[in-house]
């Protein structure tokens, strides 16, 4: 009987922070600079796994009238450190804030512009 109880009891999974790169397109009211064709957003998002962090990020960006087109995941802090990424103190602070607030933090936005050829 104890085994059945153990199987039915769910172990809470701890939150982690994942680094995501999200490309967004244009949408009316998106707040991107005039003339931009889209943007890349560097984001730190909390979640029990990367899939949850991506889902939450996309939902929040849509609520902010942005048009997410593609999401690339770079892993959790531990995964990035294991891969040899150098992570500066300011980046760690933003990651900790995302974890503490269980939130999505946009760390950087880089707008895209079409190159004009004459």
C-alpha atoms as a PDB file:
ATOM      1  CA  UNK A   1       0.000   0.000   0.000  1.00  0.00           C
ATOM      2  CA  UNK A   2       2.843   2.378   0.645  1.00  0.00           C
ATOM      3  CA  UNK A   3       4.066   2.027  -2.953  1.00  0.00           C
ATOM      4  CA  UNK A   4       0.722   3.228  -4.324  1.00  0.00           C
ATOM      5  CA  UNK A   5       0.877   6.274  -2.072  1.00  0.00           C
ATOM      6  CA  UNK A   6       4.435   7.039  -3.158  1.00  0.00           C
ATOM      7  CA  UNK A   7       3.516   6.818  -6.840  1.00  0.00           C
ATOM      8  CA  UNK A   8       0.478   9.055  -6.493  1.00  0.00           C
ATOM      9  CA  UNK A   9       2.300  11.724  -4.457  1.00  0.00           C
ATOM     10  CA  UNK A  10       3.810  14.295  -6.782  1.00  0.00           C
ATOM     11  CA  UNK A  11       7.226  15.643  -6.003  1.00  0.00           C
ATOM     12  CA  UNK A  12       7.276  19.390  -6.608  1.00  0.00           C
ATOM     13  CA  UNK A  13       9.772  20.333  -9.283  1.00  0.00           C
ATOM     14  CA  UNK A  14      11.860  23.375  -8.621  1.00  0.00           C
ATOM     15  CA  UNK A  15      11.863  26.425 -10.857  1.00  0.00           C
ATOM     16  CA  UNK A  16      14.896  27.202 -12.978  1.00  0.00           C
ATOM     17  CA  UNK A  17      15.753  30.114 -15.233  1.00  0.00           C
ATOM     18  CA  UNK A  18      16.268  29.521 -18.937  1.00  0.00           C
ATOM     19  CA  UNK A  19      17.929  31.774 -21.482  1.00  0.00           C
ATOM     20  CA  UNK A  20      15.826  32.247 -24.604  1.00  0.00           C
ATOM     21  CA  UNK A  21      16.333  34.151 -27.835  1.00  0.00           C
ATOM     22  CA  UNK A  22      12.985  35.144 -29.334  1.00  0.00           C
ATOM     23  CA  UNK A  23      12.559  36.610 -32.803  1.00  0.00           C
ATOM     24  CA  UNK A  24       9.459  38.739 -33.232  1.00  0.00           C
ATOM     25  CA  UNK A  25       7.822  40.152 -36.334  1.00  0.00           C
ATOM     26  CA  UNK A  26       5.812  43.336 -36.724  1.00  0.00           C
ATOM     27  CA  UNK A  27       2.308  43.758 -35.382  1.00  0.00           C
ATOM     28  CA  UNK A  28       0.245  46.904 -34.942  1.00  0.00           C
ATOM     29  CA  UNK A  29       0.914  48.427 -31.530  1.00  0.00           C
ATOM     30  CA  UNK A  30       4.052  46.365 -30.894  1.00  0.00           C
ATOM     31  CA  UNK A  31       6.150  49.346 -29.781  1.00  0.00           C
ATOM     32  CA  UNK A  32       9.103  48.467 -32.020  1.00  0.00           C
ATOM     33  CA  UNK A  33      11.017  51.384 -33.566  1.00  0.00           C
ATOM     34  CA  UNK A  34       9.674  52.958 -36.760  1.00  0.00           C
ATOM     35  CA  UNK A  35      11.134  51.216 -39.798  1.00  0.00           C
ATOM     36  CA  UNK A  36      12.064  48.029 -37.938  1.00  0.00           C
ATOM     37  CA  UNK A  37      10.999  44.781 -39.586  1.00  0.00           C
ATOM     38  CA  UNK A  38      11.141  42.862 -36.314  1.00  0.00           C
ATOM     39  CA  UNK A  39      13.488  42.269 -33.411  1.00  0.00           C
ATOM     40  CA  UNK A  40      15.463  39.743 -31.425  1.00  0.00           C
ATOM     41  CA  UNK A  41      14.813  39.596 -27.683  1.00  0.00           C
ATOM     42  CA  UNK A  42      17.219  38.044 -25.193  1.00  0.00           C
ATOM     43  CA  UNK A  43      15.035  36.736 -22.389  1.00  0.00           C
ATOM     44  CA  UNK A  44      15.457  35.054 -19.024  1.00  0.00           C
ATOM     45  CA  UNK A  45      12.349  33.070 -18.124  1.00  0.00           C
ATOM     46  CA  UNK A  46      11.543  30.865 -15.169  1.00  0.00           C
ATOM     47  CA  UNK A  47       9.917  27.464 -15.424  1.00  0.00           C
ATOM     48  CA  UNK A  48      10.124  23.902 -14.176  1.00  0.00           C
ATOM     49  CA  UNK A  49      11.532  23.016 -17.596  1.00  0.00           C
ATOM     50  CA  UNK A  50      12.489  24.828 -20.780  1.00  0.00           C
ATOM     51  CA  UNK A  51       9.197  23.973 -22.498  1.00  0.00           C
ATOM     52  CA  UNK A  52       7.217  25.707 -19.758  1.00  0.00           C
ATOM     53  CA  UNK A  53       9.524  28.737 -19.894  1.00  0.00           C
ATOM     54  CA  UNK A  54       8.966  28.969 -23.663  1.00  0.00           C
ATOM     55  CA  UNK A  55       5.161  28.659 -23.350  1.00  0.00           C
ATOM     56  CA  UNK A  56       5.022  31.355 -20.663  1.00  0.00           C
ATOM     57  CA  UNK A  57       7.313  33.656 -22.628  1.00  0.00           C
ATOM     58  CA  UNK A  58       5.294  33.352 -25.835  1.00  0.00           C
ATOM     59  CA  UNK A  59       2.039  33.982 -23.950  1.00  0.00           C
ATOM     60  CA  UNK A  60       3.422  37.110 -22.276  1.00  0.00           C
ATOM     61  CA  UNK A  61       4.877  38.478 -25.519  1.00  0.00           C
ATOM     62  CA  UNK A  62       1.525  38.011 -27.251  1.00  0.00           C
ATOM     63  CA  UNK A  63      -0.194  39.872 -24.388  1.00  0.00           C
ATOM     64  CA  UNK A  64       2.302  42.692 -24.988  1.00  0.00           C
ATOM     65  CA  UNK A  65       1.166  42.897 -28.652  1.00  0.00           C
ATOM     66  CA  UNK A  66       4.367  41.342 -29.983  1.00  0.00           C
ATOM     67  CA  UNK A  67       4.367  38.653 -32.668  1.00  0.00           C
ATOM     68  CA  UNK A  68       6.753  35.831 -31.666  1.00  0.00           C
ATOM     69  CA  UNK A  69       8.047  33.971 -34.724  1.00  0.00           C
ATOM     70  CA  UNK A  70      10.822  31.738 -33.388  1.00  0.00           C
ATOM     71  CA  UNK A  71      12.262  30.767 -30.004  1.00  0.00           C
ATOM     72  CA  UNK A  72      15.744  29.331 -29.468  1.00  0.00           C
ATOM     73  CA  UNK A  73      16.588  27.906 -26.061  1.00  0.00           C
ATOM     74  CA  UNK A  74      20.086  28.099 -24.614  1.00  0.00           C
ATOM     75  CA  UNK A  75      19.388  26.120 -21.454  1.00  0.00           C
ATOM     76  CA  UNK A  76      19.436  26.768 -17.737  1.00  0.00           C
ATOM     77  CA  UNK A  77      22.212  28.518 -15.855  1.00  0.00           C
ATOM     78  CA  UNK A  78      23.783  25.175 -14.914  1.00  0.00           C
ATOM     79  CA  UNK A  79      23.555  23.902 -18.498  1.00  0.00           C
ATOM     80  CA  UNK A  80      25.156  27.061 -19.851  1.00  0.00           C
ATOM     81  CA  UNK A  81      27.967  26.902 -17.294  1.00  0.00           C
ATOM     82  CA  UNK A  82      28.576  23.237 -18.173  1.00  0.00           C
ATOM     83  CA  UNK A  83      28.918  24.277 -21.831  1.00  0.00           C
ATOM     84  CA  UNK A  84      31.564  26.832 -20.884  1.00  0.00           C
ATOM     85  CA  UNK A  85      29.488  30.012 -21.281  1.00  0.00           C
ATOM     86  CA  UNK A  86      30.869  33.028 -19.454  1.00  0.00           C
ATOM     87  CA  UNK A  87      28.032  34.634 -17.532  1.00  0.00           C
ATOM     88  CA  UNK A  88      28.602  38.155 -16.212  1.00  0.00           C
ATOM     89  CA  UNK A  89      27.321  39.374 -12.844  1.00  0.00           C
ATOM     90  CA  UNK A  90      24.639  41.624 -14.375  1.00  0.00           C
ATOM     91  CA  UNK A  91      23.288  38.660 -16.361  1.00  0.00           C
ATOM     92  CA  UNK A  92      23.243  36.512 -13.206  1.00  0.00           C
ATOM     93  CA  UNK A  93      21.344  39.280 -11.395  1.00  0.00           C
ATOM     94  CA  UNK A  94      18.648  39.325 -14.097  1.00  0.00           C
ATOM     95  CA  UNK A  95      18.430  35.526 -13.972  1.00  0.00           C
ATOM     96  CA  UNK A  96      18.017  35.646 -10.182  1.00  0.00           C
ATOM     97  CA  UNK A  97      15.316  38.297 -10.544  1.00  0.00           C
ATOM     98  CA  UNK A  98      13.425  36.101 -13.020  1.00  0.00           C
ATOM     99  CA  UNK A  99      13.660  33.218 -10.539  1.00  0.00           C
ATOM    100  CA  UNK A 100      12.682  35.306  -7.491  1.00  0.00           C
ATOM    101  CA  UNK A 101       9.708  36.866  -9.278  1.00  0.00           C
ATOM    102  CA  UNK A 102       8.776  33.733 -11.281  1.00  0.00           C
ATOM    103  CA  UNK A 103       8.781  35.982 -14.308  1.00  0.00           C
ATOM    104  CA  UNK A 104       9.974  36.692 -17.822  1.00  0.00           C
ATOM    105  CA  UNK A 105      12.721  39.320 -18.077  1.00  0.00           C
ATOM    106  CA  UNK A 106      13.607  40.924 -21.407  1.00  0.00           C
ATOM    107  CA  UNK A 107      17.317  41.603 -21.020  1.00  0.00           C
ATOM    108  CA  UNK A 108      17.997  43.013 -24.478  1.00  0.00           C
ATOM    109  CA  UNK A 109      16.097  43.978 -27.624  1.00  0.00           C
ATOM    110  CA  UNK A 110      17.806  44.329 -30.987  1.00  0.00           C
ATOM    111  CA  UNK A 111      15.573  45.680 -33.771  1.00  0.00           C
ATOM    112  CA  UNK A 112      15.970  44.389 -37.340  1.00  0.00           C
ATOM    113  CA  UNK A 113      15.943  46.712 -40.355  1.00  0.00           C
ATOM    114  CA  UNK A 114      15.859  45.918 -44.069  1.00  0.00           C
ATOM    115  CA  UNK A 115      18.968  47.014 -45.922  1.00  0.00           C
ATOM    116  CA  UNK A 116      18.023  49.441 -48.676  1.00  0.00           C
ATOM    117  CA  UNK A 117      19.720  48.741 -51.992  1.00  0.00           C
ATOM    118  CA  UNK A 118      19.607  51.288 -54.803  1.00  0.00           C
END
